[in-house]
Amino acid sequence: MAKIKKKSLPSSLIVTQSNKLIEARYNLTLGEQRLILTMISRIQPDDEDFKEYRINVGEFADFLGIDKNSVYREFHKIQKSIVSRILVFYEEDGPLVIGWVSSAKYLEKEGAVLLSFDPKLKPYLLQLKGCFTSCNLEMLLCFKSQYTMRVYMLLKQYDRLKAREIELQQLREMLGIGKDQYNSPFALKNKTILNLSVDHKRRPSRDR
């Protein structure tokens, strides 16, 4: 997609998630993950239920620095694919599989998409009192890979400790990386950690 001048986002747009959600197993494309994070940033701390979240396609293109003609085509694809994306929580009595969204409607004449989170995600996104992590939306959208975005959020959980250890196989599962993908440690490192280092230098300075 053609790049254009990127607009800044309000610093008030914060993505807050339960740590269990951050550590859940899922694999979204970069566009899908950016869309989900934008939805999460619309949630207010005092919200008791999910709303139908309206994402203006033109506005989305502006703050991603993407040509509007390209982003309209991309959104049409995402609108179809996002309803099939799932995440897995590993609980004591067995795995819990949840869809990210329960519905996605593309409003062609209005240049917007309406999305609704699956109600089962309420404990992981609403009324969070502890064990959660917050990140600035604009900073997250600067990452060029869905994997580096995920790794950053996993590290952000341990921000106060300044370090975190994750077994390689556990990391692969969290990121939804298949057995036939990035088989060598170097390939995985190049796709996640090294890209994270590069993008981190370019990210906006503000964060929480």
Protein backbone atom coordinates (compact mmCIF):
# COMPACT_ATOMS: atom_id res chain seq x y z
CA MET A 1 0.00 0.00 0.00
CA ALA A 2 1.24 3.51 -0.78
CA LYS A 3 2.49 5.49 2.17
CA ILE A 4 1.39 9.04 2.87
CA LYS A 5 2.10 11.48 5.68
CA LYS A 6 1.01 9.92 8.95
CA LYS A 7 -1.20 11.85 11.36
CA SER A 8 -0.71 11.73 15.12
CA LEU A 9 -3.26 10.13 17.41
CA PRO A 10 -4.57 11.62 20.65
CA SER A 11 -2.44 10.49 23.61
CA SER A 12 -5.71 9.58 25.39
CA LEU A 13 -6.15 6.51 23.17
CA ILE A 14 -4.89 3.76 25.45
CA VAL A 15 -5.09 0.00 24.93
CA THR A 16 -5.75 -1.76 28.25
CA GLN A 17 -5.97 -5.56 28.37
CA SER A 18 -6.04 -8.26 31.01
CA ASN A 19 -2.66 -9.98 31.27
CA LYS A 20 -4.46 -13.25 30.50
CA LEU A 21 -5.58 -11.78 27.18
CA ILE A 22 -2.06 -10.63 26.34
CA GLU A 23 -0.77 -14.15 27.04
CA ALA A 24 -3.59 -15.94 25.19
CA ARG A 25 -2.78 -17.90 22.05
CA TYR A 26 -3.82 -16.19 18.81
CA ASN A 27 -2.51 -15.11 15.45
CA LEU A 28 -3.93 -12.07 13.69
CA THR A 29 -2.60 -10.42 10.56
CA LEU A 30 -1.04 -6.99 11.07
CA GLY A 31 -4.15 -5.24 9.73
CA GLU A 32 -6.49 -7.33 11.88
CA GLN A 33 -4.45 -6.71 15.00
CA ARG A 34 -4.34 -2.97 14.37
CA LEU A 35 -8.12 -3.00 13.99
CA ILE A 36 -8.64 -4.98 17.23
CA LEU A 37 -6.32 -2.65 19.17
CA THR A 38 -8.17 0.38 17.80
CA MET A 39 -11.43 -1.14 19.04
CA ILE A 40 -9.94 -1.80 22.49
CA SER A 41 -8.74 1.81 22.73
CA ARG A 42 -12.40 2.94 22.48
CA ILE A 43 -13.31 1.09 25.69
CA GLN A 44 -13.65 3.38 28.72
CA PRO A 45 -12.59 2.30 32.25
CA ASP A 46 -16.17 2.61 33.56
CA ASP A 47 -17.85 0.71 30.69
CA GLU A 48 -19.91 -2.18 32.01
CA ASP A 49 -20.69 -3.70 28.63
CA PHE A 50 -19.33 -3.69 25.11
CA LYS A 51 -20.70 -1.31 22.54
CA GLU A 52 -20.82 -1.58 18.78
CA TYR A 53 -17.57 0.08 17.79
CA ARG A 54 -17.53 2.21 14.68
CA ILE A 55 -14.18 2.59 12.96
CA ASN A 56 -14.02 5.25 10.27
CA VAL A 57 -11.98 3.81 7.40
CA GLY A 58 -10.66 7.17 6.20
CA GLU A 59 -9.55 8.11 9.71
CA PHE A 60 -7.89 4.72 10.11
CA ALA A 61 -5.96 5.33 6.89
CA ASP A 62 -4.86 8.77 8.08
CA PHE A 63 -3.22 7.69 11.29
CA LEU A 64 -1.60 4.65 9.64
CA GLY A 65 -0.22 6.80 6.84
CA ILE A 66 -1.89 4.63 4.17
CA ASP A 67 -3.49 5.71 0.90
CA LYS A 68 -7.28 5.78 1.35
CA ASN A 69 -7.98 3.92 -1.90
CA SER A 70 -5.82 1.03 -0.69
CA VAL A 71 -7.21 0.93 2.84
CA TYR A 72 -10.83 0.66 1.63
CA ARG A 73 -9.95 -2.54 -0.23
CA GLU A 74 -8.01 -3.84 2.77
CA PHE A 75 -10.87 -3.14 5.17
CA HIS A 76 -13.28 -5.08 2.98
CA LYS A 77 -10.98 -8.10 3.32
CA ILE A 78 -10.54 -7.65 7.08
CA GLN A 79 -14.30 -7.33 7.58
CA LYS A 80 -14.71 -10.86 6.23
CA SER A 81 -11.72 -12.45 7.92
CA ILE A 82 -11.96 -10.96 11.41
CA VAL A 83 -15.12 -12.88 12.33
CA SER A 84 -13.28 -16.18 11.94
CA ARG A 85 -10.30 -15.26 14.16
CA ILE A 86 -10.12 -16.98 17.53
CA LEU A 87 -7.99 -16.88 20.65
CA VAL A 88 -7.34 -19.65 23.15
CA PHE A 89 -7.08 -19.32 26.94
CA TYR A 90 -5.51 -22.27 28.75
CA GLU A 91 -7.50 -22.73 31.97
CA GLU A 92 -7.13 -25.34 34.71
CA ASP A 93 -10.11 -27.38 33.52
CA GLY A 94 -9.29 -27.12 29.82
CA PRO A 95 -8.78 -24.65 26.96
CA LEU A 96 -11.36 -21.91 26.32
CA VAL A 97 -11.74 -20.88 22.67
CA ILE A 98 -13.34 -17.47 21.97
CA GLY A 99 -13.91 -15.53 18.77
CA TRP A 100 -12.57 -11.98 18.74
CA VAL A 101 -15.73 -10.42 17.31
CA SER A 102 -19.32 -11.61 17.10
CA SER A 103 -20.17 -9.43 14.10
CA ALA A 104 -18.56 -7.10 11.56
CA LYS A 105 -20.57 -4.91 9.19
CA TYR A 106 -18.92 -2.86 6.46
CA LEU A 107 -20.86 0.32 5.65
CA GLU A 108 -19.81 1.00 2.07
CA LYS A 109 -21.66 4.31 1.63
CA GLU A 110 -20.42 5.66 4.97
CA GLY A 111 -16.84 4.46 4.77
CA ALA A 112 -16.93 2.77 8.15
CA VAL A 113 -17.03 -0.63 9.76
CA LEU A 114 -19.16 -1.63 12.78
CA LEU A 115 -17.71 -4.33 15.01
CA SER A 116 -18.85 -6.05 18.20
CA PHE A 117 -16.58 -7.95 20.57
CA ASP A 118 -17.61 -11.45 21.60
CA PRO A 119 -19.35 -11.16 25.02
CA LYS A 120 -17.04 -13.87 26.42
CA LEU A 121 -14.20 -11.32 26.28
CA LYS A 122 -15.78 -9.07 28.93
CA PRO A 123 -13.64 -10.37 31.85
CA TYR A 124 -10.50 -9.59 29.83
CA LEU A 125 -11.37 -6.06 28.67
CA LEU A 126 -14.00 -4.52 30.96
CA GLN A 127 -13.86 -3.22 34.54
CA LEU A 128 -10.23 -4.30 34.99
CA LYS A 129 -9.08 -3.73 38.56
CA GLY A 130 -5.76 -5.55 38.56
CA CYS A 131 -3.42 -7.75 36.51
CA PHE A 132 -3.72 -5.65 33.38
CA THR A 133 -1.34 -3.81 31.07
CA SER A 134 -1.83 -0.50 29.27
CA CYS A 135 -0.07 0.74 26.14
CA ASN A 136 -0.40 3.83 23.99
CA LEU A 137 -2.30 3.02 20.79
CA GLU A 138 -0.18 5.19 18.53
CA MET A 139 2.97 3.47 19.74
CA LEU A 140 1.50 0.01 19.07
CA LEU A 141 0.42 0.98 15.56
CA CYS A 142 4.01 1.92 14.73
CA PHE A 143 5.11 -1.72 14.73
CA LYS A 144 5.48 -3.22 11.26
CA SER A 145 4.88 -6.85 12.31
CA GLN A 146 2.08 -8.49 14.27
CA TYR A 147 4.71 -10.56 16.07
CA THR A 148 6.79 -7.62 17.28
CA MET A 149 3.60 -5.94 18.47
CA ARG A 150 2.73 -9.01 20.53
CA VAL A 151 6.25 -9.38 21.93
CA TYR A 152 6.24 -5.74 22.99
CA MET A 153 3.00 -6.21 24.93
CA LEU A 154 4.40 -9.34 26.59
CA LEU A 155 7.47 -7.35 27.67
CA LYS A 156 5.34 -4.39 28.77
CA GLN A 157 3.71 -6.65 31.37
CA TYR A 158 7.10 -6.91 33.08
CA ASP A 159 8.09 -3.27 32.59
CA ARG A 160 8.88 -2.74 36.26
CA LEU A 161 11.12 -5.79 36.41
CA LYS A 162 12.95 -4.74 33.22
CA ALA A 163 13.28 -8.37 32.09
CA ARG A 164 11.19 -11.42 31.28
CA GLU A 165 11.96 -15.05 30.50
CA ILE A 166 9.66 -17.03 28.19
CA GLU A 167 10.39 -20.52 26.95
CA LEU A 168 10.78 -20.61 23.17
CA GLN A 169 7.97 -23.12 22.65
CA GLN A 170 5.65 -21.12 24.92
CA LEU A 171 6.38 -17.96 22.93
CA ARG A 172 5.65 -19.75 19.67
CA GLU A 173 2.31 -20.93 21.05
CA MET A 174 1.35 -17.46 22.30
CA LEU A 175 2.14 -15.95 18.91
CA GLY A 176 0.29 -18.71 17.05
CA ILE A 177 3.38 -19.62 15.04
CA GLY A 178 3.01 -22.97 13.31
CA LYS A 179 5.48 -25.84 13.55
CA ASP A 180 6.62 -25.26 9.97
CA GLN A 181 7.27 -21.52 10.48
CA TYR A 182 10.58 -19.95 11.59
CA ASN A 183 12.01 -23.29 12.70
CA SER A 184 15.46 -21.98 13.57
CA PRO A 185 15.98 -19.76 16.65
CA PHE A 186 17.65 -17.15 14.43
CA ALA A 187 14.66 -16.99 12.06
CA LEU A 188 12.27 -16.50 14.98
CA LYS A 189 14.53 -13.90 16.58
CA ASN A 190 14.84 -12.03 13.28
CA LYS A 191 11.05 -11.96 12.86
CA THR A 192 10.29 -10.79 16.40
CA ILE A 193 13.08 -9.49 18.64
CA LEU A 194 15.26 -7.79 16.01
CA ASN A 195 12.27 -6.10 14.40
CA LEU A 196 11.15 -5.01 17.85
CA SER A 197 14.50 -3.28 18.44
CA VAL A 198 14.24 -1.36 15.17
CA ASP A 199 10.61 -0.32 15.62
CA HIS A 200 11.17 0.61 19.27
CA LYS A 201 13.64 3.33 18.21
CA ARG A 202 11.03 4.84 15.89
CA ARG A 203 8.06 4.75 18.25
CA PRO A 204 6.50 7.85 19.84
CA SER A 205 8.03 8.82 23.18
CA ARG A 206 4.81 8.85 25.19
CA ASP A 207 3.50 5.68 26.80
CA ARG A 208 2.00 4.43 30.04
